[in-house]
């Protein structure tokens, strides 16, 4: 048995992800970055390799990030309204 990374191999920063999530919230919240990037230093990012899942399981990315976030927020809103 092997561990598998899930998601996509598309690089995105934490700030970029925060902005993408914020775009799905109404009213859209402000995104504040606690620490500025250090000039000349590469951004800290993690892009998981999904090659094993793709090869062993035939898993592919079928939904882009923005669509996945929208679906997640819609699910969450529905769950909140049904309480």
N, C-alpha and C. Protein backbone atom coordinates (compact mmCIF):
# COMPACT_ATOMS: atom_id res chain seq x y z
N UNK A 1 0.85 -1.18 0.00
CA UNK A 1 0.00 0.00 0.00
C UNK A 1 0.89 1.24 0.00
N UNK A 2 0.53 2.21 -0.81
CA UNK A 2 1.30 3.44 -0.95
C UNK A 2 0.43 4.65 -0.63
N UNK A 3 1.03 5.71 -0.09
CA UNK A 3 0.28 6.96 0.05
C UNK A 3 0.16 7.64 -1.31
N UNK A 4 -0.93 8.36 -1.50
CA UNK A 4 -1.16 9.08 -2.75
C UNK A 4 -1.44 10.54 -2.44
N UNK A 5 -0.80 11.44 -3.18
CA UNK A 5 -1.13 12.85 -3.11
C UNK A 5 -2.37 13.08 -3.95
N UNK A 6 -3.23 13.96 -3.48
CA UNK A 6 -4.42 14.31 -4.25
C UNK A 6 -4.40 15.81 -4.52
N UNK A 7 -5.19 16.24 -5.43
CA UNK A 7 -5.23 17.66 -5.78
C UNK A 7 -4.76 17.83 -7.20
N UNK A 8 -4.01 18.86 -7.42
CA UNK A 8 -3.51 19.16 -8.75
C UNK A 8 -2.07 19.59 -8.65
N UNK A 9 -1.38 19.47 -9.73
CA UNK A 9 0.03 19.87 -9.75
C UNK A 9 0.20 21.31 -10.23
N UNK A 10 -0.86 22.09 -10.10
CA UNK A 10 -0.81 23.50 -10.46
C UNK A 10 -0.26 24.28 -9.27
N UNK A 11 0.77 25.04 -9.50
CA UNK A 11 1.40 25.81 -8.43
C UNK A 11 0.52 26.98 -8.04
N UNK A 12 0.33 27.15 -6.73
CA UNK A 12 -0.42 28.30 -6.22
C UNK A 12 0.17 28.65 -4.86
N UNK A 13 0.31 29.93 -4.61
CA UNK A 13 0.82 30.37 -3.32
C UNK A 13 -0.31 30.35 -2.29
N UNK A 14 0.03 30.41 -1.04
CA UNK A 14 -0.99 30.47 0.01
C UNK A 14 -1.81 31.75 -0.16
N UNK A 15 -1.15 32.85 -0.52
CA UNK A 15 -1.88 34.10 -0.76
C UNK A 15 -2.84 33.94 -1.93
N UNK A 16 -2.39 33.30 -3.00
CA UNK A 16 -3.26 33.07 -4.16
C UNK A 16 -4.45 32.21 -3.79
N UNK A 17 -4.23 31.20 -2.97
CA UNK A 17 -5.32 30.33 -2.52
C UNK A 17 -6.29 31.12 -1.64
N UNK A 18 -5.76 31.95 -0.76
CA UNK A 18 -6.61 32.77 0.11
C UNK A 18 -7.49 33.70 -0.72
N UNK A 19 -6.94 34.30 -1.75
CA UNK A 19 -7.72 35.18 -2.63
C UNK A 19 -8.78 34.38 -3.41
N UNK A 20 -8.43 33.18 -3.85
CA UNK A 20 -9.39 32.34 -4.58
C UNK A 20 -10.56 31.95 -3.67
N UNK A 21 -10.27 31.62 -2.42
CA UNK A 21 -11.33 31.29 -1.47
C UNK A 21 -12.18 32.52 -1.19
N UNK A 22 -11.54 33.66 -0.98
CA UNK A 22 -12.27 34.90 -0.67
C UNK A 22 -13.25 35.27 -1.78
N UNK A 23 -12.88 34.98 -3.03
CA UNK A 23 -13.78 35.31 -4.15
C UNK A 23 -15.07 34.50 -4.11
N UNK A 24 -15.11 33.42 -3.35
CA UNK A 24 -16.31 32.59 -3.25
C UNK A 24 -17.22 32.99 -2.10
N UNK A 25 -16.78 33.92 -1.27
CA UNK A 25 -17.53 34.33 -0.09
C UNK A 25 -18.26 35.64 -0.37
N UNK A 26 -19.52 35.71 0.06
CA UNK A 26 -20.32 36.94 -0.10
C UNK A 26 -20.73 37.42 1.28
N UNK A 27 -20.41 38.65 1.65
CA UNK A 27 -19.58 39.60 0.91
C UNK A 27 -18.12 39.17 0.96
N UNK A 28 -17.39 39.52 -0.07
CA UNK A 28 -16.00 39.10 -0.18
C UNK A 28 -15.17 39.72 0.94
N UNK A 29 -14.50 38.88 1.72
CA UNK A 29 -13.68 39.41 2.82
C UNK A 29 -12.35 39.95 2.31
N UNK A 30 -11.75 40.80 3.11
CA UNK A 30 -10.40 41.26 2.81
C UNK A 30 -9.44 40.12 3.12
N UNK A 31 -8.41 40.01 2.32
CA UNK A 31 -7.36 39.04 2.58
C UNK A 31 -6.16 39.82 3.06
N UNK A 32 -5.69 39.50 4.25
CA UNK A 32 -4.52 40.18 4.79
C UNK A 32 -3.38 39.18 4.92
N UNK A 33 -2.24 39.53 4.39
CA UNK A 33 -1.07 38.68 4.44
C UNK A 33 -0.23 39.13 5.63
N UNK A 34 0.02 38.21 6.56
CA UNK A 34 0.68 38.55 7.82
C UNK A 34 2.16 38.87 7.63
N UNK A 35 2.79 38.23 6.68
CA UNK A 35 4.22 38.42 6.49
C UNK A 35 4.49 38.70 5.02
N UNK A 36 5.28 39.72 4.76
CA UNK A 36 5.64 40.05 3.38
C UNK A 36 6.69 39.06 2.88
N UNK A 37 6.68 38.83 1.58
CA UNK A 37 7.69 37.97 0.97
C UNK A 37 9.06 38.64 1.10
N UNK A 38 10.08 37.83 1.24
CA UNK A 38 11.45 38.35 1.34
C UNK A 38 11.99 38.52 -0.07
N UNK A 39 12.41 39.74 -0.39
CA UNK A 39 12.94 40.02 -1.72
C UNK A 39 14.15 39.14 -2.02
N UNK A 40 14.18 38.58 -3.22
CA UNK A 40 15.30 37.76 -3.64
C UNK A 40 15.22 36.32 -3.18
N UNK A 41 14.26 36.01 -2.36
CA UNK A 41 14.10 34.64 -1.85
C UNK A 41 12.92 34.01 -2.58
N UNK A 42 13.08 32.78 -3.05
CA UNK A 42 11.95 32.14 -3.74
C UNK A 42 10.75 31.98 -2.80
N UNK A 43 9.58 32.10 -3.36
CA UNK A 43 8.36 31.92 -2.56
C UNK A 43 8.29 30.50 -2.04
N UNK A 44 7.78 30.36 -0.82
CA UNK A 44 7.60 29.03 -0.26
C UNK A 44 6.32 28.45 -0.82
N UNK A 45 6.47 27.34 -1.51
CA UNK A 45 5.33 26.68 -2.15
C UNK A 45 5.51 25.19 -2.04
N UNK A 46 4.40 24.50 -2.10
CA UNK A 46 4.44 23.05 -2.15
C UNK A 46 3.50 22.62 -3.25
N UNK A 47 4.01 21.93 -4.21
CA UNK A 47 3.20 21.41 -5.29
C UNK A 47 3.32 19.89 -5.23
N UNK A 48 2.27 19.21 -4.78
CA UNK A 48 2.37 17.76 -4.64
C UNK A 48 2.45 17.07 -6.00
N UNK A 49 3.21 16.00 -6.04
CA UNK A 49 3.25 15.18 -7.25
C UNK A 49 2.10 14.19 -7.18
N UNK A 50 1.24 14.25 -8.16
CA UNK A 50 0.13 13.30 -8.21
C UNK A 50 0.41 12.20 -9.23
N UNK A 51 1.68 12.06 -9.63
CA UNK A 51 2.06 11.09 -10.65
C UNK A 51 1.70 9.66 -10.23
N UNK A 52 1.92 9.30 -8.98
CA UNK A 52 1.61 7.94 -8.54
C UNK A 52 0.11 7.65 -8.64
N UNK A 53 -0.72 8.59 -8.19
CA UNK A 53 -2.17 8.40 -8.28
C UNK A 53 -2.61 8.34 -9.74
N UNK A 54 -2.00 9.17 -10.57
CA UNK A 54 -2.33 9.17 -11.99
C UNK A 54 -1.95 7.83 -12.62
N UNK A 55 -0.75 7.33 -12.32
CA UNK A 55 -0.25 6.10 -12.91
C UNK A 55 -0.94 4.86 -12.34
N UNK A 56 -1.00 4.76 -11.01
CA UNK A 56 -1.55 3.55 -10.38
C UNK A 56 -3.08 3.48 -10.43
N UNK A 57 -3.73 4.62 -10.26
CA UNK A 57 -5.19 4.64 -10.10
C UNK A 57 -5.93 5.27 -11.28
N UNK A 58 -5.19 5.90 -12.18
CA UNK A 58 -5.84 6.56 -13.31
C UNK A 58 -6.56 7.85 -12.91
N UNK A 59 -6.16 8.45 -11.79
CA UNK A 59 -6.81 9.67 -11.30
C UNK A 59 -6.29 10.86 -12.08
N UNK A 60 -7.20 11.71 -12.52
CA UNK A 60 -6.81 12.93 -13.23
C UNK A 60 -7.59 14.11 -12.64
N UNK A 61 -7.09 15.28 -12.88
CA UNK A 61 -7.79 16.50 -12.45
C UNK A 61 -8.94 16.74 -13.41
N UNK A 62 -10.16 16.78 -12.88
CA UNK A 62 -11.32 17.00 -13.75
C UNK A 62 -12.04 18.30 -13.41
N UNK A 63 -11.75 18.86 -12.24
CA UNK A 63 -12.40 20.09 -11.81
C UNK A 63 -11.31 21.09 -11.43
N UNK A 64 -11.36 22.25 -11.99
CA UNK A 64 -10.37 23.28 -11.68
C UNK A 64 -10.63 23.86 -10.29
N UNK A 65 -9.63 24.49 -9.72
CA UNK A 65 -9.68 25.00 -8.36
C UNK A 65 -10.89 25.91 -8.12
N UNK A 66 -11.11 26.90 -8.97
CA UNK A 66 -12.21 27.85 -8.77
C UNK A 66 -13.55 27.12 -8.71
N UNK A 67 -13.75 26.15 -9.59
CA UNK A 67 -15.00 25.38 -9.61
C UNK A 67 -15.13 24.53 -8.34
N UNK A 68 -14.04 23.92 -7.92
CA UNK A 68 -14.06 23.10 -6.70
C UNK A 68 -14.39 23.96 -5.48
N UNK A 69 -13.81 25.15 -5.40
CA UNK A 69 -14.11 26.05 -4.29
C UNK A 69 -15.57 26.49 -4.32
N UNK A 70 -16.08 26.79 -5.51
CA UNK A 70 -17.48 27.20 -5.63
C UNK A 70 -18.40 26.07 -5.18
N UNK A 71 -18.13 24.85 -5.61
CA UNK A 71 -18.96 23.70 -5.20
C UNK A 71 -18.88 23.49 -3.69
N UNK A 72 -17.70 23.63 -3.13
CA UNK A 72 -17.53 23.45 -1.68
C UNK A 72 -18.32 24.50 -0.92
N UNK A 73 -18.23 25.76 -1.33
CA UNK A 73 -18.96 26.82 -0.66
C UNK A 73 -20.47 26.64 -0.80
N UNK A 74 -20.93 26.21 -1.97
CA UNK A 74 -22.36 25.95 -2.15
C UNK A 74 -22.83 24.82 -1.24
N UNK A 75 -22.03 23.77 -1.12
CA UNK A 75 -22.36 22.66 -0.23
C UNK A 75 -22.45 23.16 1.22
N UNK A 76 -21.45 23.95 1.61
CA UNK A 76 -21.42 24.48 2.98
C UNK A 76 -22.64 25.36 3.25
N UNK A 77 -22.98 26.25 2.32
CA UNK A 77 -24.14 27.13 2.49
C UNK A 77 -25.42 26.30 2.63
N UNK A 78 -25.55 25.28 1.81
CA UNK A 78 -26.73 24.40 1.87
C UNK A 78 -26.83 23.72 3.24
N UNK A 79 -25.69 23.22 3.73
CA UNK A 79 -25.67 22.56 5.04
C UNK A 79 -26.04 23.53 6.15
N UNK A 80 -25.57 24.77 6.05
CA UNK A 80 -25.89 25.78 7.07
C UNK A 80 -27.37 26.13 7.06
N UNK A 81 -27.97 26.21 5.86
CA UNK A 81 -29.38 26.58 5.75
C UNK A 81 -30.30 25.44 6.22
N UNK A 82 -29.83 24.21 6.14
CA UNK A 82 -30.68 23.07 6.51
C UNK A 82 -30.60 22.75 8.00
N UNK A 83 -29.87 23.54 8.75
CA UNK A 83 -29.77 23.30 10.21
C UNK A 83 -30.99 23.80 10.92
